[in-house]
Amino acid sequence: NGNGGIVMAVRIRLTRMGSRSKPVYRIVASDSRRPRDGQYIEQIGTYNPAIDEVKVNEEVAMKWLNQGALPTDTARSLLSKKGVMAKFAEYR
């Protein structure tokens, strides 16, 4: 079918952690067919909306973006906030 041997549809997205009314999210690289809070391939960072804190491992994020992983809208905005998307656009 000429799709160039694509193995997995990897997305960069958030998985929910934390307790019932205090969500904390992990930014992860995950197979798009897996459930939101299911198994993921690698953790890229964390996001705590309560104190608006974003931590991103830039190296890992760049690795996945360069391999063609697509960030969800929320993940993209968090990565942009940390300057990763700008760096990725520059690098390409």
N, C-alpha and C. Protein backbone atom coordinates (compact mmCIF):
# COMPACT_ATOMS: atom_id res chain seq x y z
N ASN A 1 0.81 -1.21 0.00
CA ASN A 1 0.00 0.00 0.00
C ASN A 1 0.85 1.26 0.00
N GLY A 2 2.16 1.12 0.03
CA GLY A 2 3.07 2.25 -0.14
C GLY A 2 3.04 3.29 0.96
N ASN A 3 2.87 2.87 2.21
CA ASN A 3 2.88 3.85 3.29
C ASN A 3 4.27 4.00 3.89
N GLY A 4 5.27 3.47 3.24
CA GLY A 4 6.64 3.66 3.69
C GLY A 4 7.00 2.89 4.95
N GLY A 5 6.29 1.83 5.25
CA GLY A 5 6.61 0.98 6.39
C GLY A 5 6.43 1.65 7.73
N ILE A 6 5.37 2.44 7.88
CA ILE A 6 5.10 3.09 9.16
C ILE A 6 4.68 2.03 10.16
N VAL A 7 5.37 1.98 11.28
CA VAL A 7 5.12 0.93 12.27
C VAL A 7 4.03 1.35 13.24
N MET A 8 4.19 2.53 13.87
CA MET A 8 3.25 2.94 14.90
C MET A 8 2.83 4.39 14.69
N ALA A 9 1.62 4.69 15.12
CA ALA A 9 1.15 6.08 15.10
C ALA A 9 1.42 6.63 16.49
N VAL A 10 2.58 7.28 16.66
CA VAL A 10 2.95 7.78 17.98
C VAL A 10 2.42 9.20 18.16
N ARG A 11 1.77 9.44 19.29
CA ARG A 11 1.29 10.76 19.64
C ARG A 11 1.98 11.22 20.91
N ILE A 12 2.19 12.50 21.03
CA ILE A 12 2.67 13.07 22.29
C ILE A 12 1.41 13.62 22.95
N ARG A 13 1.07 13.08 24.10
CA ARG A 13 -0.18 13.47 24.74
C ARG A 13 -0.07 13.42 26.25
N LEU A 14 -1.17 13.78 26.92
CA LEU A 14 -1.18 13.81 28.37
C LEU A 14 -1.89 12.58 28.93
N THR A 15 -1.34 12.02 29.99
CA THR A 15 -2.06 10.99 30.73
C THR A 15 -2.32 11.56 32.11
N ARG A 16 -3.50 11.26 32.64
CA ARG A 16 -3.92 11.86 33.91
C ARG A 16 -3.42 11.03 35.08
N MET A 17 -2.85 11.73 36.05
CA MET A 17 -2.39 11.11 37.28
C MET A 17 -3.03 11.89 38.43
N GLY A 18 -2.56 11.69 39.63
CA GLY A 18 -3.04 12.48 40.75
C GLY A 18 -4.37 11.98 41.29
N SER A 19 -4.89 12.68 42.28
CA SER A 19 -6.12 12.22 42.92
C SER A 19 -7.35 12.84 42.26
N ARG A 20 -8.50 12.51 42.80
CA ARG A 20 -9.76 12.84 42.14
C ARG A 20 -9.91 14.31 41.77
N SER A 21 -9.68 15.20 42.72
CA SER A 21 -9.88 16.61 42.40
C SER A 21 -8.58 17.38 42.20
N LYS A 22 -7.47 16.65 42.20
CA LYS A 22 -6.16 17.30 41.99
C LYS A 22 -5.41 16.60 40.87
N PRO A 23 -5.79 16.87 39.62
CA PRO A 23 -5.11 16.18 38.53
C PRO A 23 -3.67 16.67 38.32
N VAL A 24 -2.81 15.75 37.98
CA VAL A 24 -1.44 16.06 37.55
C VAL A 24 -1.27 15.22 36.29
N TYR A 25 -0.65 15.78 35.27
CA TYR A 25 -0.54 15.06 34.01
C TYR A 25 0.90 14.73 33.69
N ARG A 26 1.08 13.60 33.04
CA ARG A 26 2.38 13.27 32.47
C ARG A 26 2.29 13.54 30.98
N ILE A 27 3.31 14.15 30.43
CA ILE A 27 3.39 14.33 28.99
C ILE A 27 4.17 13.11 28.49
N VAL A 28 3.55 12.30 27.64
CA VAL A 28 4.16 11.04 27.24
C VAL A 28 4.10 10.83 25.73
N ALA A 29 5.00 9.98 25.25
CA ALA A 29 4.93 9.49 23.87
C ALA A 29 4.20 8.16 23.96
N SER A 30 3.12 8.03 23.19
CA SER A 30 2.26 6.86 23.32
C SER A 30 1.73 6.44 21.96
N ASP A 31 1.48 5.15 21.80
CA ASP A 31 0.82 4.66 20.60
C ASP A 31 -0.60 5.21 20.60
N SER A 32 -1.02 5.83 19.51
CA SER A 32 -2.33 6.50 19.47
C SER A 32 -3.50 5.54 19.67
N ARG A 33 -3.26 4.24 19.46
CA ARG A 33 -4.35 3.27 19.61
C ARG A 33 -4.56 2.84 21.05
N ARG A 34 -3.66 3.21 21.94
CA ARG A 34 -3.80 2.84 23.34
C ARG A 34 -4.74 3.80 24.07
N PRO A 35 -5.35 3.35 25.17
CA PRO A 35 -6.23 4.25 25.93
C PRO A 35 -5.44 5.40 26.56
N ARG A 36 -6.14 6.49 26.87
CA ARG A 36 -5.49 7.70 27.37
C ARG A 36 -4.54 7.43 28.53
N ASP A 37 -5.02 6.68 29.54
CA ASP A 37 -4.19 6.43 30.71
C ASP A 37 -3.51 5.07 30.66
N GLY A 38 -3.44 4.50 29.46
CA GLY A 38 -2.84 3.17 29.30
C GLY A 38 -1.33 3.24 29.22
N GLN A 39 -0.75 2.15 28.78
CA GLN A 39 0.69 2.03 28.66
C GLN A 39 1.24 3.07 27.69
N TYR A 40 2.38 3.64 28.01
CA TYR A 40 3.01 4.59 27.09
C TYR A 40 4.45 4.17 26.83
N ILE A 41 5.05 4.76 25.81
CA ILE A 41 6.39 4.36 25.40
C ILE A 41 7.44 5.04 26.27
N GLU A 42 7.29 6.36 26.46
CA GLU A 42 8.31 7.10 27.21
C GLU A 42 7.70 8.38 27.78
N GLN A 43 8.11 8.72 29.00
CA GLN A 43 7.64 9.96 29.61
C GLN A 43 8.51 11.12 29.14
N ILE A 44 7.87 12.22 28.76
CA ILE A 44 8.59 13.39 28.26
C ILE A 44 8.64 14.49 29.31
N GLY A 45 7.58 14.59 30.11
CA GLY A 45 7.55 15.63 31.13
C GLY A 45 6.31 15.53 31.98
N THR A 46 6.07 16.58 32.78
CA THR A 46 4.90 16.63 33.64
C THR A 46 4.25 18.00 33.54
N TYR A 47 2.97 18.05 33.89
CA TYR A 47 2.22 19.30 33.89
C TYR A 47 1.29 19.29 35.09
N ASN A 48 1.42 20.32 35.94
CA ASN A 48 0.56 20.47 37.10
C ASN A 48 -0.28 21.73 36.91
N PRO A 49 -1.57 21.56 36.51
CA PRO A 49 -2.40 22.74 36.23
C PRO A 49 -2.70 23.58 37.48
N ALA A 50 -2.65 22.99 38.67
CA ALA A 50 -2.96 23.72 39.90
C ALA A 50 -1.99 24.89 40.11
N ILE A 51 -0.71 24.66 39.83
CA ILE A 51 0.28 25.73 40.00
C ILE A 51 0.88 26.13 38.65
N ASP A 52 0.24 25.67 37.58
CA ASP A 52 0.65 25.97 36.20
C ASP A 52 2.15 25.70 35.98
N GLU A 53 2.58 24.54 36.39
CA GLU A 53 3.99 24.16 36.27
C GLU A 53 4.16 23.12 35.17
N VAL A 54 5.06 23.40 34.24
CA VAL A 54 5.35 22.47 33.15
C VAL A 54 6.83 22.12 33.20
N LYS A 55 7.12 20.82 33.24
CA LYS A 55 8.52 20.36 33.17
C LYS A 55 8.63 19.47 31.95
N VAL A 56 9.62 19.73 31.11
CA VAL A 56 9.79 18.95 29.89
C VAL A 56 11.25 18.55 29.73
N ASN A 57 11.48 17.28 29.41
CA ASN A 57 12.82 16.84 29.06
C ASN A 57 12.97 17.12 27.56
N GLU A 58 13.66 18.22 27.25
CA GLU A 58 13.74 18.71 25.88
C GLU A 58 14.33 17.68 24.92
N GLU A 59 15.38 16.98 25.36
CA GLU A 59 16.03 15.99 24.51
C GLU A 59 15.06 14.92 24.05
N VAL A 60 14.30 14.40 25.01
CA VAL A 60 13.35 13.32 24.71
C VAL A 60 12.24 13.84 23.81
N ALA A 61 11.75 15.05 24.09
CA ALA A 61 10.70 15.65 23.28
C ALA A 61 11.17 15.82 21.83
N MET A 62 12.37 16.33 21.66
CA MET A 62 12.92 16.53 20.31
C MET A 62 13.09 15.19 19.59
N LYS A 63 13.55 14.18 20.33
CA LYS A 63 13.73 12.86 19.73
C LYS A 63 12.41 12.37 19.12
N TRP A 64 11.33 12.47 19.89
CA TRP A 64 10.03 11.97 19.40
C TRP A 64 9.48 12.83 18.28
N LEU A 65 9.64 14.15 18.37
CA LEU A 65 9.15 15.03 17.30
C LEU A 65 9.90 14.73 16.00
N ASN A 66 11.20 14.50 16.11
CA ASN A 66 12.00 14.19 14.93
C ASN A 66 11.64 12.85 14.32
N GLN A 67 11.10 11.95 15.15
CA GLN A 67 10.68 10.64 14.63
C GLN A 67 9.26 10.69 14.09
N GLY A 68 8.68 11.89 14.08
CA GLY A 68 7.36 12.06 13.48
C GLY A 68 6.18 11.92 14.42
N ALA A 69 6.43 11.96 15.74
CA ALA A 69 5.32 11.89 16.70
C ALA A 69 4.51 13.19 16.63
N LEU A 70 3.19 13.06 16.61
CA LEU A 70 2.33 14.23 16.54
C LEU A 70 1.81 14.60 17.92
N PRO A 71 2.03 15.84 18.36
CA PRO A 71 1.49 16.24 19.66
C PRO A 71 0.01 16.57 19.56
N THR A 72 -0.75 16.28 20.60
CA THR A 72 -2.15 16.71 20.65
C THR A 72 -2.13 18.23 20.84
N ASP A 73 -3.29 18.88 20.69
CA ASP A 73 -3.34 20.34 20.81
C ASP A 73 -2.82 20.82 22.17
N THR A 74 -3.26 20.14 23.23
CA THR A 74 -2.84 20.53 24.58
C THR A 74 -1.34 20.31 24.76
N ALA A 75 -0.85 19.15 24.32
CA ALA A 75 0.57 18.85 24.45
C ALA A 75 1.39 19.86 23.64
N ARG A 76 0.90 20.21 22.45
CA ARG A 76 1.60 21.18 21.60
C ARG A 76 1.71 22.53 22.31
N SER A 77 0.62 22.97 22.95
CA SER A 77 0.66 24.28 23.62
C SER A 77 1.61 24.25 24.82
N LEU A 78 1.65 23.12 25.53
CA LEU A 78 2.58 23.00 26.67
C LEU A 78 4.02 22.99 26.18
N LEU A 79 4.28 22.27 25.08
CA LEU A 79 5.64 22.23 24.52
C LEU A 79 6.04 23.60 23.98
N SER A 80 5.07 24.32 23.40
CA SER A 80 5.35 25.67 22.90
C SER A 80 5.72 26.59 24.04
N LYS A 81 5.00 26.44 25.15
CA LYS A 81 5.25 27.25 26.35
C LYS A 81 6.71 27.10 26.80
N LYS A 82 7.24 25.90 26.66
CA LYS A 82 8.62 25.63 27.07
C LYS A 82 9.63 25.88 25.94
N GLY A 83 9.15 26.32 24.78
CA GLY A 83 10.05 26.65 23.67
C GLY A 83 10.51 25.46 22.85
N VAL A 84 9.92 24.29 23.07
CA VAL A 84 10.35 23.09 22.35
C VAL A 84 9.87 23.13 20.91
N MET A 85 8.63 23.57 20.68
CA MET A 85 8.09 23.60 19.32
C MET A 85 8.87 24.58 18.44
N ALA A 86 9.27 25.71 19.00
CA ALA A 86 10.05 26.70 18.25
C ALA A 86 11.40 26.10 17.86
N LYS A 87 12.02 25.41 18.81
CA LYS A 87 13.32 24.78 18.56
C LYS A 87 13.18 23.70 17.48
N PHE A 88 12.07 22.95 17.55
CA PHE A 88 11.82 21.89 16.57
C PHE A 88 11.63 22.50 15.18
N ALA A 89 10.87 23.58 15.07
CA ALA A 89 10.64 24.24 13.78
C ALA A 89 11.96 24.76 13.19
N GLU A 90 12.81 25.27 14.07
CA GLU A 90 14.12 25.78 13.67
C GLU A 90 15.01 24.65 13.16
N TYR A 91 14.96 23.53 13.86
CA TYR A 91 15.83 22.39 13.60
C TYR A 91 15.52 21.72 12.27
N ARG A 92 14.24 21.77 11.87
CA ARG A 92 13.80 21.05 10.66
C ARG A 92 14.35 21.64 9.39
